[in-house]
Amino acid sequence: MVAPLPARSPSPSPSYGRLSCAVETTLDIIDGRWKVLILRELFAETKRFAQLQRSLPGVTQKMLTQQLRELEADGIVRRQVYAEVPPKVEYSITPLGESLWPVLQAMHDWGMRYKEMQLAESIAHPSEPDSA
């Protein structure tokens, strides 16, 4: 069972910075158009840069590099460089990154329930044609 979120306070305490909220901290780490999708790929298996780029249609090399660097700096992703010619670089999830799995799974589950609710609502109350 998932623990409930703490009760919302009417206003944040002035003694804490913006990242005092644990949810905001988590969102700061995984925020980015591609980060969650990168994590999805790396939860499945260790991948090289080109493999990641192929598995994420639409991501540019620059954006993928930036998002991977941020995840690496945050300790979520590990970058392993092998002394080979040409250089071989692999990306994998760190133990800290693995701890995000239940968070992402909970987000997935919530998203599925939301989509089901939206579908049920659209079936129960189909939009009426505009009367002209």
Protein backbone atom coordinates (compact mmCIF):
# COMPACT_ATOMS: atom_id res chain seq x y z
CA MET A 1 0.00 0.00 0.00
CA VAL A 2 1.22 3.48 -0.86
CA ALA A 3 1.70 5.91 2.02
CA PRO A 4 -0.50 9.01 1.78
CA LEU A 5 1.05 12.35 1.02
CA PRO A 6 1.38 14.67 4.00
CA ALA A 7 -1.45 17.14 4.42
CA ARG A 8 -1.02 20.27 2.34
CA SER A 9 -0.07 23.31 4.31
CA PRO A 10 -1.74 26.57 3.32
CA SER A 11 1.57 28.23 2.49
CA PRO A 12 5.18 27.07 2.40
CA SER A 13 7.34 27.97 5.35
CA PRO A 14 9.59 30.93 4.55
CA SER A 15 12.53 29.17 6.24
CA TYR A 16 12.75 26.60 3.43
CA GLY A 17 13.89 27.09 -0.15
CA ARG A 18 11.80 26.13 -3.18
CA LEU A 19 13.14 22.56 -3.14
CA SER A 20 11.93 21.97 0.42
CA CYS A 21 9.03 19.94 -0.95
CA ALA A 22 10.08 16.34 -1.53
CA VAL A 23 7.71 15.97 -4.49
CA GLU A 24 9.24 19.05 -6.11
CA THR A 25 12.71 17.59 -5.56
CA THR A 26 11.67 14.38 -7.31
CA LEU A 27 10.11 16.29 -10.18
CA ASP A 28 13.26 18.39 -10.50
CA ILE A 29 15.29 15.21 -11.03
CA ILE A 30 12.98 13.57 -13.60
CA ASP A 31 11.74 16.76 -15.26
CA GLY A 32 12.62 16.97 -18.92
CA ARG A 33 10.92 15.92 -22.12
CA TRP A 34 13.07 12.78 -22.45
CA LYS A 35 14.25 11.81 -18.97
CA VAL A 36 11.43 9.45 -18.06
CA LEU A 37 11.64 7.84 -21.50
CA ILE A 38 15.42 7.45 -21.14
CA LEU A 39 14.86 5.80 -17.77
CA ARG A 40 12.24 3.49 -19.26
CA GLU A 41 14.80 2.30 -21.80
CA LEU A 42 17.57 1.89 -19.24
CA PHE A 43 15.35 0.00 -16.80
CA ALA A 44 15.03 -2.63 -19.55
CA GLU A 45 18.78 -2.92 -20.20
CA THR A 46 22.13 -1.14 -20.40
CA LYS A 47 22.37 0.71 -23.70
CA ARG A 48 24.84 2.57 -25.83
CA PHE A 49 24.11 6.14 -26.96
CA ALA A 50 23.06 5.14 -30.49
CA GLN A 51 20.71 2.47 -29.12
CA LEU A 52 19.06 5.05 -26.89
CA GLN A 53 18.75 7.51 -29.75
CA ARG A 54 17.11 4.88 -31.99
CA SER A 55 14.67 3.90 -29.24
CA LEU A 56 13.57 7.53 -28.75
CA PRO A 57 12.33 8.82 -32.11
CA GLY A 58 12.43 12.58 -32.26
CA VAL A 59 15.17 13.17 -29.68
CA THR A 60 18.12 15.14 -30.99
CA GLN A 61 21.70 14.16 -30.24
CA LYS A 62 22.17 17.42 -28.33
CA MET A 63 19.05 16.90 -26.19
CA LEU A 64 19.83 13.25 -25.46
CA THR A 65 23.37 14.19 -24.44
CA GLN A 66 22.08 16.98 -22.18
CA GLN A 67 19.44 14.82 -20.50
CA LEU A 68 21.91 11.94 -19.96
CA ARG A 69 24.46 14.35 -18.45
CA GLU A 70 21.85 15.71 -16.04
CA LEU A 71 20.77 12.22 -15.01
CA GLU A 72 24.42 11.26 -14.54
CA ALA A 73 25.12 14.40 -12.47
CA ASP A 74 22.13 13.54 -10.26
CA GLY A 75 23.45 10.00 -9.70
CA ILE A 76 20.54 8.35 -11.54
CA VAL A 77 22.44 7.08 -14.58
CA ARG A 78 25.95 5.65 -14.84
CA ARG A 79 28.12 6.36 -17.88
CA GLN A 80 30.75 3.67 -18.49
CA VAL A 81 33.52 4.49 -20.98
CA TYR A 82 35.60 1.57 -22.29
CA ALA A 83 39.17 2.12 -23.48
CA GLU A 84 38.59 0.95 -27.04
CA VAL A 85 38.95 2.40 -30.50
CA PRO A 86 36.40 3.58 -31.42
CA PRO A 87 35.36 4.46 -27.87
CA LYS A 88 32.54 2.42 -26.41
CA VAL A 89 30.20 4.16 -23.95
CA GLU A 90 27.33 2.46 -22.15
CA TYR A 91 24.60 3.93 -19.97
CA SER A 92 22.92 2.07 -17.14
CA ILE A 93 20.75 2.74 -14.11
CA THR A 94 22.50 3.25 -10.77
CA PRO A 95 21.10 1.81 -7.53
CA LEU A 96 19.76 5.30 -6.75
CA GLY A 97 18.12 5.35 -10.19
CA GLU A 98 16.58 1.94 -9.54
CA SER A 99 14.87 3.45 -6.51
CA LEU A 100 12.83 5.58 -8.94
CA TRP A 101 11.11 2.46 -10.35
CA PRO A 102 8.20 2.48 -7.85
CA VAL A 103 7.75 6.23 -8.40
CA LEU A 104 7.53 5.81 -12.16
CA GLN A 105 5.29 2.75 -11.77
CA ALA A 106 2.93 4.76 -9.55
CA MET A 107 2.87 7.53 -12.18
CA HIS A 108 2.10 4.94 -14.86
CA ASP A 109 -0.71 3.42 -12.79
CA TRP A 110 -2.21 6.84 -12.07
CA GLY A 111 -2.01 7.78 -15.76
CA MET A 112 -3.79 4.58 -16.76
CA ARG A 113 -6.57 5.17 -14.22
CA TYR A 114 -6.92 8.76 -15.43
CA LYS A 115 -7.16 7.68 -19.08
CA GLU A 116 -9.77 5.07 -18.17
CA MET A 117 -11.76 7.69 -16.26
CA GLN A 118 -11.56 10.10 -19.21
CA LEU A 119 -12.70 7.37 -21.61
CA ALA A 120 -15.59 6.37 -19.34
CA GLU A 121 -16.60 10.03 -19.07
CA SER A 122 -16.54 10.52 -22.84
CA ILE A 123 -18.69 7.40 -23.33
CA ALA A 124 -21.16 8.44 -20.63
CA HIS A 125 -21.39 12.00 -21.91
CA PRO A 126 -20.56 12.12 -25.61
CA SER A 127 -20.05 15.63 -26.92
CA GLU A 128 -23.15 16.98 -28.57
CA PRO A 129 -22.93 18.32 -32.09
CA ASP A 130 -22.85 22.09 -32.29
CA SER A 131 -26.21 23.57 -33.13
CA ALA A 132 -25.97 26.29 -35.71
